[in-house]
Structure formats: C-alpha cells, structure tokens
C-alpha cells in the first residue's frame, strides 16, 4: 500500500470517528445562551481537550490493545 493511500485511509477513519458536523451541532446547542466570548472559550477548550485525547490514544493505543489482549488484522 502506498503512503498516499495509507494516509487517506487514516484521515477517513479520523473523519468518521470525530464527526465534525455533529460535534459542531453539540457545541452550538450547549452554548446557546452564552455570550460570544464564552462560546469561543468553550469551543477552544473542547478543541484542546479532544486534540489531547486523540494524541494520547494515537501514541498509546497499541499498548492499550496489547494490555487488553485485543488483536488487530
């Protein structure tokens, strides 16, 4: 498999996992009554936390699978 196809596959999986449109709808509905500054702060915090979680599991996911005895094809 070429590197281009591999990267495309990874990004398609990430897009499906993160579902940006549904996340956007959730942020908009949860911050409905807040002022603009608070909504921006909340969105920024959500992005930072989700990026941290994504990086954490990207770096430790294989170890976690080995620990739980989960095999991947």
PDB file of N, CA and C in Angstrom:
ATOM      1  N   UNK A   1       0.856  -1.176   0.000  1.00  0.00           N
ATOM      2  CA  UNK A   1       0.000   0.000   0.000  1.00  0.00           C
ATOM      3  C   UNK A   1       0.900   1.237   0.000  1.00  0.00           C
ATOM      4  N   UNK A   2       0.597   2.166  -0.863  1.00  0.00           N
ATOM      5  CA  UNK A   2       1.426   3.364  -0.927  1.00  0.00           C
ATOM      6  C   UNK A   2       1.141   4.271   0.261  1.00  0.00           C
ATOM      7  N   UNK A   3       2.081   5.161   0.505  1.00  0.00           N
ATOM      8  CA  UNK A   3       1.935   6.083   1.641  1.00  0.00           C
ATOM      9  C   UNK A   3       0.713   6.976   1.463  1.00  0.00           C
ATOM     10  N   UNK A   4       0.435   7.385   0.223  1.00  0.00           N
ATOM     11  CA  UNK A   4      -0.717   8.256  -0.037  1.00  0.00           C
ATOM     12  C   UNK A   4      -2.022   7.554   0.319  1.00  0.00           C
ATOM     13  N   UNK A   5      -2.160   6.302  -0.095  1.00  0.00           N
ATOM     14  CA  UNK A   5      -3.379   5.558   0.229  1.00  0.00           C
ATOM     15  C   UNK A   5      -3.495   5.313   1.724  1.00  0.00           C
ATOM     16  N   UNK A   6      -2.368   5.029   2.354  1.00  0.00           N
ATOM     17  CA  UNK A   6      -2.366   4.801   3.798  1.00  0.00           C
ATOM     18  C   UNK A   6      -2.811   6.054   4.546  1.00  0.00           C
ATOM     19  N   UNK A   7      -2.270   7.217   4.176  1.00  0.00           N
ATOM     20  CA  UNK A   7      -2.667   8.470   4.824  1.00  0.00           C
ATOM     21  C   UNK A   7      -4.132   8.793   4.561  1.00  0.00           C
ATOM     22  N   UNK A   8      -4.594   8.533   3.351  1.00  0.00           N
ATOM     23  CA  UNK A   8      -6.003   8.758   3.032  1.00  0.00           C
ATOM     24  C   UNK A   8      -6.910   7.894   3.880  1.00  0.00           C
ATOM     25  N   UNK A   9      -6.490   6.664   4.089  1.00  0.00           N
ATOM     26  CA  UNK A   9      -7.271   5.750   4.922  1.00  0.00           C
ATOM     27  C   UNK A   9      -7.315   6.224   6.374  1.00  0.00           C
ATOM     28  N   UNK A  10      -6.176   6.677   6.881  1.00  0.00           N
ATOM     29  CA  UNK A  10      -6.124   7.175   8.254  1.00  0.00           C
ATOM     30  C   UNK A  10      -7.031   8.386   8.425  1.00  0.00           C
ATOM     31  N   UNK A  11      -6.952   9.349   7.494  1.00  0.00           N
ATOM     32  CA  UNK A  11      -7.772  10.549   7.616  1.00  0.00           C
ATOM     33  C   UNK A  11      -9.258  10.249   7.463  1.00  0.00           C
ATOM     34  N   UNK A  12      -9.599   9.279   6.617  1.00  0.00           N
ATOM     35  CA  UNK A  12     -11.016   8.932   6.506  1.00  0.00           C
ATOM     36  C   UNK A  12     -11.525   8.301   7.801  1.00  0.00           C
ATOM     37  N   UNK A  13     -10.706   7.479   8.448  1.00  0.00           N
ATOM     38  CA  UNK A  13     -11.099   6.914   9.741  1.00  0.00           C
ATOM     39  C   UNK A  13     -11.246   8.014  10.797  1.00  0.00           C
ATOM     40  N   UNK A  14     -10.303   8.940  10.820  1.00  0.00           N
ATOM     41  CA  UNK A  14     -10.393  10.029  11.791  1.00  0.00           C
ATOM     42  C   UNK A  14     -11.634  10.882  11.555  1.00  0.00           C
ATOM     43  N   UNK A  15     -11.941  11.144  10.293  1.00  0.00           N
ATOM     44  CA  UNK A  15     -13.136  11.937   9.986  1.00  0.00           C
ATOM     45  C   UNK A  15     -14.385  11.229  10.467  1.00  0.00           C
ATOM     46  N   UNK A  16     -14.450   9.933  10.253  1.00  0.00           N
ATOM     47  CA  UNK A  16     -15.616   9.179  10.702  1.00  0.00           C
ATOM     48  C   UNK A  16     -15.708   9.135  12.222  1.00  0.00           C
ATOM     49  N   UNK A  17     -14.564   9.049  12.890  1.00  0.00           N
ATOM     50  CA  UNK A  17     -14.572   8.989  14.347  1.00  0.00           C
ATOM     51  C   UNK A  17     -14.941  10.326  14.979  1.00  0.00           C
ATOM     52  N   UNK A  18     -14.438  11.387  14.424  1.00  0.00           N
ATOM     53  CA  UNK A  18     -14.625  12.692  15.051  1.00  0.00           C
ATOM     54  C   UNK A  18     -15.944  13.352  14.671  1.00  0.00           C
ATOM     55  N   UNK A  19     -16.495  13.019  13.544  1.00  0.00           N
ATOM     56  CA  UNK A  19     -17.738  13.591  13.018  1.00  0.00           C
ATOM     57  C   UNK A  19     -17.884  15.072  13.368  1.00  0.00           C
ATOM     58  N   UNK A  20     -17.157  15.904  12.655  1.00  0.00           N
ATOM     59  CA  UNK A  20     -17.127  17.329  12.984  1.00  0.00           C
ATOM     60  C   UNK A  20     -18.495  18.014  12.942  1.00  0.00           C
ATOM     61  N   UNK A  21     -19.366  17.618  12.050  1.00  0.00           N
ATOM     62  CA  UNK A  21     -20.662  18.292  11.961  1.00  0.00           C
ATOM     63  C   UNK A  21     -21.521  18.021  13.192  1.00  0.00           C
ATOM     64  N   UNK A  22     -21.492  16.805  13.690  1.00  0.00           N
ATOM     65  CA  UNK A  22     -22.278  16.529  14.886  1.00  0.00           C
ATOM     66  C   UNK A  22     -21.651  17.189  16.113  1.00  0.00           C
ATOM     67  N   UNK A  23     -20.336  17.273  16.145  1.00  0.00           N
ATOM     68  CA  UNK A  23     -19.674  17.971  17.246  1.00  0.00           C
ATOM     69  C   UNK A  23     -20.019  19.451  17.212  1.00  0.00           C
ATOM     70  N   UNK A  24     -20.074  20.017  16.028  1.00  0.00           N
ATOM     71  CA  UNK A  24     -20.432  21.427  15.896  1.00  0.00           C
ATOM     72  C   UNK A  24     -21.857  21.669  16.388  1.00  0.00           C
ATOM     73  N   UNK A  25     -22.760  20.786  16.022  1.00  0.00           N
ATOM     74  CA  UNK A  25     -24.147  20.928  16.471  1.00  0.00           C
ATOM     75  C   UNK A  25     -24.239  20.832  17.995  1.00  0.00           C
ATOM     76  N   UNK A  26     -23.464  19.956  18.585  1.00  0.00           N
ATOM     77  CA  UNK A  26     -23.481  19.812  20.037  1.00  0.00           C
ATOM     78  C   UNK A  26     -22.946  21.063  20.722  1.00  0.00           C
ATOM     79  N   UNK A  27     -21.860  21.618  20.218  1.00  0.00           N
ATOM     80  CA  UNK A  27     -21.282  22.833  20.814  1.00  0.00           C
ATOM     81  C   UNK A  27     -22.260  24.002  20.688  1.00  0.00           C
ATOM     82  N   UNK A  28     -22.886  24.136  19.538  1.00  0.00           N
ATOM     83  CA  UNK A  28     -23.833  25.236  19.332  1.00  0.00           C
ATOM     84  C   UNK A  28     -25.028  25.100  20.278  1.00  0.00           C
ATOM     85  N   UNK A  29     -25.549  23.896  20.424  1.00  0.00           N
ATOM     86  CA  UNK A  29     -26.724  23.734  21.293  1.00  0.00           C
ATOM     87  C   UNK A  29     -26.362  23.875  22.770  1.00  0.00           C
ATOM     88  N   UNK A  30     -25.168  23.459  23.166  1.00  0.00           N
ATOM     89  CA  UNK A  30     -24.784  23.555  24.568  1.00  0.00           C
ATOM     90  C   UNK A  30     -24.406  24.976  24.991  1.00  0.00           C
ATOM     91  N   UNK A  31     -23.987  25.793  24.038  1.00  0.00           N
ATOM     92  CA  UNK A  31     -23.567  27.161  24.363  1.00  0.00           C
ATOM     93  C   UNK A  31     -24.574  28.189  23.866  1.00  0.00           C
ATOM     94  N   UNK A  32     -25.792  27.786  23.710  1.00  0.00           N
ATOM     95  CA  UNK A  32     -26.828  28.635  23.120  1.00  0.00           C
ATOM     96  C   UNK A  32     -27.023  29.957  23.849  1.00  0.00           C
ATOM     97  N   UNK A  33     -27.095  29.954  25.155  1.00  0.00           N
ATOM     98  CA  UNK A  33     -27.389  31.167  25.896  1.00  0.00           C
ATOM     99  C   UNK A  33     -26.168  31.953  26.352  1.00  0.00           C
ATOM    100  N   UNK A  34     -24.989  31.487  26.016  1.00  0.00           N
ATOM    101  CA  UNK A  34     -23.768  32.149  26.483  1.00  0.00           C
ATOM    102  C   UNK A  34     -23.377  33.316  25.577  1.00  0.00           C
ATOM    103  N   UNK A  35     -22.674  34.293  26.126  1.00  0.00           N
ATOM    104  CA  UNK A  35     -22.155  35.377  25.277  1.00  0.00           C
ATOM    105  C   UNK A  35     -21.094  34.837  24.317  1.00  0.00           C
ATOM    106  N   UNK A  36     -20.786  35.607  23.291  1.00  0.00           N
ATOM    107  CA  UNK A  36     -19.860  35.187  22.247  1.00  0.00           C
ATOM    108  C   UNK A  36     -18.493  34.800  22.811  1.00  0.00           C
ATOM    109  N   UNK A  37     -17.969  35.581  23.739  1.00  0.00           N
ATOM    110  CA  UNK A  37     -16.647  35.285  24.301  1.00  0.00           C
ATOM    111  C   UNK A  37     -16.636  33.937  25.012  1.00  0.00           C
ATOM    112  N   UNK A  38     -17.688  33.630  25.736  1.00  0.00           N
ATOM    113  CA  UNK A  38     -17.777  32.354  26.452  1.00  0.00           C
ATOM    114  C   UNK A  38     -17.903  31.194  25.468  1.00  0.00           C
ATOM    115  N   UNK A  39     -18.639  31.402  24.372  1.00  0.00           N
ATOM    116  CA  UNK A  39     -18.767  30.347  23.360  1.00  0.00           C
ATOM    117  C   UNK A  39     -17.432  30.058  22.699  1.00  0.00           C
ATOM    118  N   UNK A  40     -16.679  31.107  22.402  1.00  0.00           N
ATOM    119  CA  UNK A  40     -15.359  30.925  21.794  1.00  0.00           C
ATOM    120  C   UNK A  40     -14.424  30.198  22.754  1.00  0.00           C
ATOM    121  N   UNK A  41     -14.457  30.581  24.024  1.00  0.00           N
ATOM    122  CA  UNK A  41     -13.618  29.930  25.034  1.00  0.00           C
ATOM    123  C   UNK A  41     -13.977  28.456  25.173  1.00  0.00           C
ATOM    124  N   UNK A  42     -15.265  28.150  25.185  1.00  0.00           N
ATOM    125  CA  UNK A  42     -15.723  26.767  25.301  1.00  0.00           C
ATOM    126  C   UNK A  42     -15.303  25.951  24.083  1.00  0.00           C
ATOM    127  N   UNK A  43     -15.444  26.512  22.899  1.00  0.00           N
ATOM    128  CA  UNK A  43     -15.043  25.812  21.680  1.00  0.00           C
ATOM    129  C   UNK A  43     -13.535  25.569  21.671  1.00  0.00           C
ATOM    130  N   UNK A  44     -12.761  26.550  22.121  1.00  0.00           N
ATOM    131  CA  UNK A  44     -11.300  26.401  22.173  1.00  0.00           C
ATOM    132  C   UNK A  44     -10.911  25.293  23.157  1.00  0.00           C
ATOM    133  N   UNK A  45     -11.546  25.282  24.325  1.00  0.00           N
ATOM    134  CA  UNK A  45     -11.254  24.231  25.312  1.00  0.00           C
ATOM    135  C   UNK A  45     -11.622  22.854  24.770  1.00  0.00           C
ATOM    136  N   UNK A  46     -12.741  22.753  24.085  1.00  0.00           N
ATOM    137  CA  UNK A  46     -13.157  21.473  23.508  1.00  0.00           C
ATOM    138  C   UNK A  46     -12.150  20.990  22.467  1.00  0.00           C
ATOM    139  N   UNK A  47     -11.638  21.904  21.666  1.00  0.00           N
ATOM    140  CA  UNK A  47     -10.637  21.533  20.657  1.00  0.00           C
ATOM    141  C   UNK A  47      -9.341  21.067  21.305  1.00  0.00           C
ATOM    142  N   UNK A  48      -8.909  21.750  22.338  1.00  0.00           N
ATOM    143  CA  UNK A  48      -7.669  21.391  23.018  1.00  0.00           C
ATOM    144  C   UNK A  48      -7.812  20.018  23.688  1.00  0.00           C
ATOM    145  N   UNK A  49      -8.918  19.794  24.360  1.00  0.00           N
ATOM    146  CA  UNK A  49      -9.130  18.525  25.053  1.00  0.00           C
ATOM    147  C   UNK A  49      -9.240  17.373  24.057  1.00  0.00           C
ATOM    148  N   UNK A  50      -9.998  17.575  22.979  1.00  0.00           N
ATOM    149  CA  UNK A  50     -10.148  16.487  22.002  1.00  0.00           C
ATOM    150  C   UNK A  50      -8.836  16.205  21.282  1.00  0.00           C
ATOM    151  N   UNK A  51      -8.039  17.226  21.019  1.00  0.00           N
ATOM    152  CA  UNK A  51      -6.729  17.013  20.405  1.00  0.00           C
ATOM    153  C   UNK A  51      -5.825  16.236  21.350  1.00  0.00           C
ATOM    154  N   UNK A  52      -5.858  16.581  22.625  1.00  0.00           N
ATOM    155  CA  UNK A  52      -5.062  15.859  23.608  1.00  0.00           C
ATOM    156  C   UNK A  52      -5.460  14.398  23.701  1.00  0.00           C
ATOM    157  N   UNK A  53      -6.760  14.140  23.716  1.00  0.00           N
ATOM    158  CA  UNK A  53      -7.232  12.759  23.775  1.00  0.00           C
ATOM    159  C   UNK A  53      -6.840  11.987  22.521  1.00  0.00           C
ATOM    160  N   UNK A  54      -6.965  12.630  21.374  1.00  0.00           N
ATOM    161  CA  UNK A  54      -6.596  11.988  20.117  1.00  0.00           C
ATOM    162  C   UNK A  54      -5.118  11.635  20.097  1.00  0.00           C
ATOM    163  N   UNK A  55      -4.273  12.566  20.526  1.00  0.00           N
ATOM    164  CA  UNK A  55      -2.836  12.299  20.570  1.00  0.00           C
ATOM    165  C   UNK A  55      -2.497  11.214  21.584  1.00  0.00           C
ATOM    166  N   UNK A  56      -3.143  11.253  22.732  1.00  0.00           N
ATOM    167  CA  UNK A  56      -2.893  10.245  23.763  1.00  0.00           C
ATOM    168  C   UNK A  56      -3.177   8.847  23.226  1.00  0.00           C
ATOM    169  N   UNK A  57      -4.346   8.656  22.627  1.00  0.00           N
ATOM    170  CA  UNK A  57      -4.695   7.329  22.140  1.00  0.00           C
ATOM    171  C   UNK A  57      -3.932   6.954  20.881  1.00  0.00           C
ATOM    172  N   UNK A  58      -3.529   7.938  20.085  1.00  0.00           N
ATOM    173  CA  UNK A  58      -2.692   7.632  18.923  1.00  0.00           C
ATOM    174  C   UNK A  58      -1.329   7.118  19.364  1.00  0.00           C
ATOM    175  N   UNK A  59      -0.812   7.652  20.456  1.00  0.00           N
ATOM    176  CA  UNK A  59       0.510   7.249  20.939  1.00  0.00           C
ATOM    177  C   UNK A  59       0.475   6.004  21.820  1.00  0.00           C
ATOM    178  N   UNK A  60      -0.614   5.783  22.536  1.00  0.00           N
ATOM    179  CA  UNK A  60      -0.670   4.666  23.477  1.00  0.00           C
ATOM    180  C   UNK A  60      -1.679   3.588  23.091  1.00  0.00           C
ATOM    181  N   UNK A  61      -2.351   3.752  21.983  1.00  0.00           N
ATOM    182  CA  UNK A  61      -3.401   2.813  21.599  1.00  0.00           C
ATOM    183  C   UNK A  61      -2.922   1.389  21.413  1.00  0.00           C
ATOM    184  N   UNK A  62      -1.770   1.241  20.772  1.00  0.00           N
ATOM    185  CA  UNK A  62      -1.248  -0.105  20.541  1.00  0.00           C
ATOM    186  C   UNK A  62      -0.904  -0.791  21.867  1.00  0.00           C
ATOM    187  N   UNK A  63      -0.306  -0.048  22.785  1.00  0.00           N
ATOM    188  CA  UNK A  63      -0.003  -0.618  24.100  1.00  0.00           C
ATOM    189  C   UNK A  63      -1.279  -1.006  24.844  1.00  0.00           C
ATOM    190  N   UNK A  64      -2.297  -0.185  24.718  1.00  0.00           N
ATOM    191  CA  UNK A  64      -3.576  -0.482  25.358  1.00  0.00           C
ATOM    192  C   UNK A  64      -4.195  -1.750  24.775  1.00  0.00           C
ATOM    193  N   UNK A  65      -4.121  -1.898  23.456  1.00  0.00           N
ATOM    194  CA  UNK A  65      -4.639  -3.112  22.828  1.00  0.00           C
ATOM    195  C   UNK A  65      -3.870  -4.338  23.291  1.00  0.00           C
ATOM    196  N   UNK A  66      -2.558  -4.231  23.391  1.00  0.00           N
ATOM    197  CA  UNK A  66      -1.756  -5.360  23.867  1.00  0.00           C
ATOM    198  C   UNK A  66      -2.104  -5.698  25.312  1.00  0.00           C
ATOM    199  N   UNK A  67      -2.276  -4.692  26.131  1.00  0.00           N
ATOM    200  CA  UNK A  67      -2.628  -4.908  27.528  1.00  0.00           C
ATOM    201  C   UNK A  67      -3.973  -5.617  27.658  1.00  0.00           C
ATOM    202  N   UNK A  68      -4.918  -5.262  26.822  1.00  0.00           N
ATOM    203  CA  UNK A  68      -6.259  -5.852  26.870  1.00  0.00           C
ATOM    204  C   UNK A  68      -6.382  -7.120  26.024  1.00  0.00           C
ATOM    205  N   UNK A  69      -5.273  -7.571  25.422  1.00  0.00           N
ATOM    206  CA  UNK A  69      -5.266  -8.759  24.568  1.00  0.00           C
ATOM    207  C   UNK A  69      -6.208  -8.634  23.378  1.00  0.00           C
ATOM    208  N   UNK A  70      -6.207  -7.497  22.740  1.00  0.00           N
ATOM    209  CA  UNK A  70      -7.028  -7.268  21.557  1.00  0.00           C
ATOM    210  C   UNK A  70      -6.105  -7.326  20.355  1.00  0.00           C
ATOM    211  N   UNK A  71      -6.442  -8.177  19.406  1.00  0.00           N
ATOM    212  CA  UNK A  71      -5.610  -8.292  18.202  1.00  0.00           C
ATOM    213  C   UNK A  71      -6.267  -7.537  17.060  1.00  0.00           C
ATOM    214  N   UNK A  72      -5.436  -7.007  16.197  1.00  0.00           N
ATOM    215  CA  UNK A  72      -5.927  -6.298  15.022  1.00  0.00           C
ATOM    216  C   UNK A  72      -5.401  -7.013  13.783  1.00  0.00           C
ATOM    217  N   UNK A  73      -6.175  -7.005  12.708  1.00  0.00           N
ATOM    218  CA  UNK A  73      -5.738  -7.699  11.488  1.00  0.00           C
ATOM    219  C   UNK A  73      -4.548  -7.013  10.836  1.00  0.00           C
TER     220      UNK A  73
END
